[in-house]
Protein backbone atom coordinates (compact mmCIF):
# COMPACT_ATOMS: atom_id res chain seq x y z
CA MET A 1 85.61 183.78 157.85
CA HIS A 2 87.48 180.49 158.05
CA VAL A 3 89.07 178.41 160.77
CA SER A 4 92.74 179.43 160.78
CA PHE A 5 95.68 177.11 160.33
CA GLU A 6 96.60 177.70 163.97
CA GLU A 7 93.06 176.88 165.13
CA ALA A 8 93.06 173.73 163.00
CA GLN A 9 96.27 172.63 164.73
CA ILE A 10 94.73 173.28 168.17
CA ILE A 11 91.59 171.36 167.18
CA THR A 12 93.46 168.31 165.91
CA ALA A 13 95.78 168.30 168.94
CA ALA A 14 92.81 168.37 171.34
CA ALA A 15 91.03 165.63 169.39
CA ILE A 16 94.17 163.46 169.38
CA LEU A 17 94.55 163.93 173.13
CA LYS A 18 90.94 162.85 173.73
CA ALA A 19 91.34 159.83 171.43
CA GLN A 20 94.41 158.79 173.40
CA GLU A 21 92.53 159.27 176.69
CA ILE A 22 89.81 156.87 175.55
CA ASP A 23 92.36 154.52 173.99
CA THR A 24 91.27 154.64 170.37
CA GLN A 25 92.86 155.47 167.01
CA MET A 26 91.09 158.06 164.89
CA CYS A 27 91.11 159.86 161.59
CA ILE A 28 90.44 163.56 162.21
CA ALA A 29 89.53 166.06 159.48
CA VAL A 30 89.13 169.82 159.91
CA LEU A 31 87.51 171.79 157.09
CA ASP A 32 87.21 175.55 156.63
CA SER A 33 83.83 177.21 156.16
CA GLY A 34 83.99 176.56 152.41
CA ALA A 35 84.17 172.80 153.15
CA SER A 36 87.80 172.60 151.99
CA LEU A 37 90.28 170.48 153.92
CA LYS A 38 92.35 172.55 156.34
CA ALA A 39 93.99 169.80 158.43
CA PHE A 40 93.95 166.02 158.54
CA VAL A 41 95.45 163.47 160.92
CA ARG A 42 95.40 159.69 160.72
CA MET A 43 96.61 158.29 164.02
CA ASN A 44 98.77 155.16 163.93
CA ASN A 45 96.68 152.07 163.21
CA ALA A 46 93.51 154.06 162.45
CA TRP A 47 91.42 152.35 159.80
CA VAL A 48 92.14 153.38 156.22
CA GLY A 49 88.40 153.33 155.54
CA SER A 50 87.93 156.00 158.21
CA ILE A 51 89.84 158.58 156.14
CA ASP A 52 86.95 159.15 153.75
CA ILE A 53 84.35 158.90 156.51
CA ALA A 54 86.05 161.57 158.66
CA ILE A 55 86.30 163.97 155.74
CA LYS A 56 82.68 163.38 154.71
CA LYS A 57 81.44 163.82 158.29
CA ALA A 58 83.17 167.21 158.42
CA LYS A 59 81.81 168.11 154.98
CA THR A 60 78.27 167.17 156.01
CA ALA A 61 78.46 169.20 159.25
CA CYS A 62 79.88 172.18 157.37
CA LEU A 63 77.49 172.21 154.40
CA PHE A 64 74.40 171.98 156.61
CA ALA A 65 75.74 173.72 159.75
CA MET A 66 74.44 170.85 161.87
CA PRO A 67 75.92 167.92 163.76
CA THR A 68 75.91 164.83 161.56
CA GLY A 69 74.02 162.83 164.18
CA GLN A 70 71.20 165.36 164.07
CA ILE A 71 71.06 165.15 160.28
CA GLY A 72 70.90 161.37 160.67
CA GLN A 73 67.81 161.67 162.83
CA LEU A 74 66.15 163.87 160.19
CA SER A 75 67.14 161.59 157.30
CA GLN A 76 65.32 158.47 158.45
CA PRO A 77 62.55 157.07 156.19
CA ALA A 78 59.60 159.46 156.17
CA GLY A 79 61.85 162.19 157.65
CA PRO A 80 62.19 165.62 156.03
CA LEU A 81 65.77 164.90 154.88
CA TYR A 82 65.34 161.30 153.80
CA GLY A 83 67.94 160.47 151.13
CA ILE A 84 70.15 163.50 151.81
CA GLU A 85 73.24 161.30 152.17
CA HIS A 86 73.13 160.76 148.41
CA SER A 87 73.59 164.47 147.68
CA ASN A 88 76.81 166.48 147.43
CA GLU A 89 78.84 163.50 146.18
CA GLY A 90 78.08 161.59 149.38
CA LEU A 91 77.41 162.65 152.94
CA ILE A 92 77.67 160.87 156.28
CA THR A 93 74.63 161.11 158.55
CA PHE A 94 75.75 159.45 161.77
CA PRO A 95 77.57 161.07 164.73
CA GLY A 96 81.16 162.28 164.57
CA GLY A 97 80.84 165.47 162.53
CA LEU A 98 80.35 168.87 164.15
CA PRO A 99 80.26 172.44 162.88
CA ILE A 100 82.86 174.81 164.33
CA VAL A 101 81.28 178.11 165.31
CA ASN A 102 83.16 181.08 166.72
CA SER A 103 82.09 183.20 169.70
CA ASP A 104 80.12 185.50 167.35
CA GLY A 105 77.96 182.56 166.23
CA ILE A 106 79.59 182.39 162.79
CA LEU A 107 80.33 179.04 161.15
CA ILE A 108 84.10 178.92 160.53
CA GLY A 109 84.47 175.25 159.64
CA ALA A 110 83.77 171.72 160.77
CA ILE A 111 85.43 168.64 162.23
CA GLY A 112 84.85 165.03 161.28
CA VAL A 113 86.14 162.06 163.27
CA SER A 114 86.03 158.37 162.44
CA GLY A 115 87.71 155.26 163.77
CA SER A 116 85.69 153.91 166.68
CA SER A 117 82.07 153.73 167.79
CA VAL A 118 79.96 156.70 166.73
CA GLU A 119 79.73 157.64 170.41
CA ASN A 120 83.53 157.80 170.66
CA ASP A 121 83.77 159.61 167.34
CA HIS A 122 81.40 162.27 168.69
CA ILE A 123 83.31 162.58 171.98
CA VAL A 124 86.60 163.14 170.13
CA ALA A 125 85.03 165.62 167.69
CA LEU A 126 83.51 167.56 170.59
CA ALA A 127 86.90 167.77 172.32
CA GLY A 128 88.34 169.28 169.17
CA VAL A 129 85.56 171.84 168.80
CA ASP A 130 85.61 172.74 172.50
CA SER A 131 89.27 173.70 172.19
CA VAL A 132 88.47 176.72 169.98
CA GLY A 133 84.76 177.36 169.72
CA LEU A 134 81.22 176.27 170.14
CA ALA A 135 79.42 173.34 168.52
CA ASP A 136 76.04 175.06 168.41
CA VAL A 137 75.01 177.26 165.52
CA PRO A 138 72.13 179.75 165.51
CA GLU A 139 68.65 178.27 165.17
CA HIS A 140 68.26 176.22 162.01
CA PRO A 141 64.93 175.64 160.25
CA TRP A 142 65.38 171.84 160.17
CA ARG A 143 66.25 171.45 163.84
CA THR A 144 63.82 169.44 165.87
């Protein structure tokens, strides 16, 4: 099951609205459950460098069904996932990427947001996810 085109539009619209509310310019990527790009938006004046970061945040959240900030905590030196950011042709392990889970608890995709502080990136990503689903996935063996 994948996030639909219509859901991807709702997600990006909600994320854009939140970015405007907090007065920031973002790159917003929505991927389906196969980690393929479903929708992408680069707001006016959003950093070009944030394009790749947003996509990789979404990819990271999708491939591991975890928020990127949580993976970042687990990937610190001596952590169980240390070095994971070097896998899968590059991952991003700081906040701003969230899995998109439907009401049945099934991963249907992910969102990645980049363009401001990681706190703002997370806030905007959460607004996108909240518009169609839940950010929490069933219990994961690496969760702390």
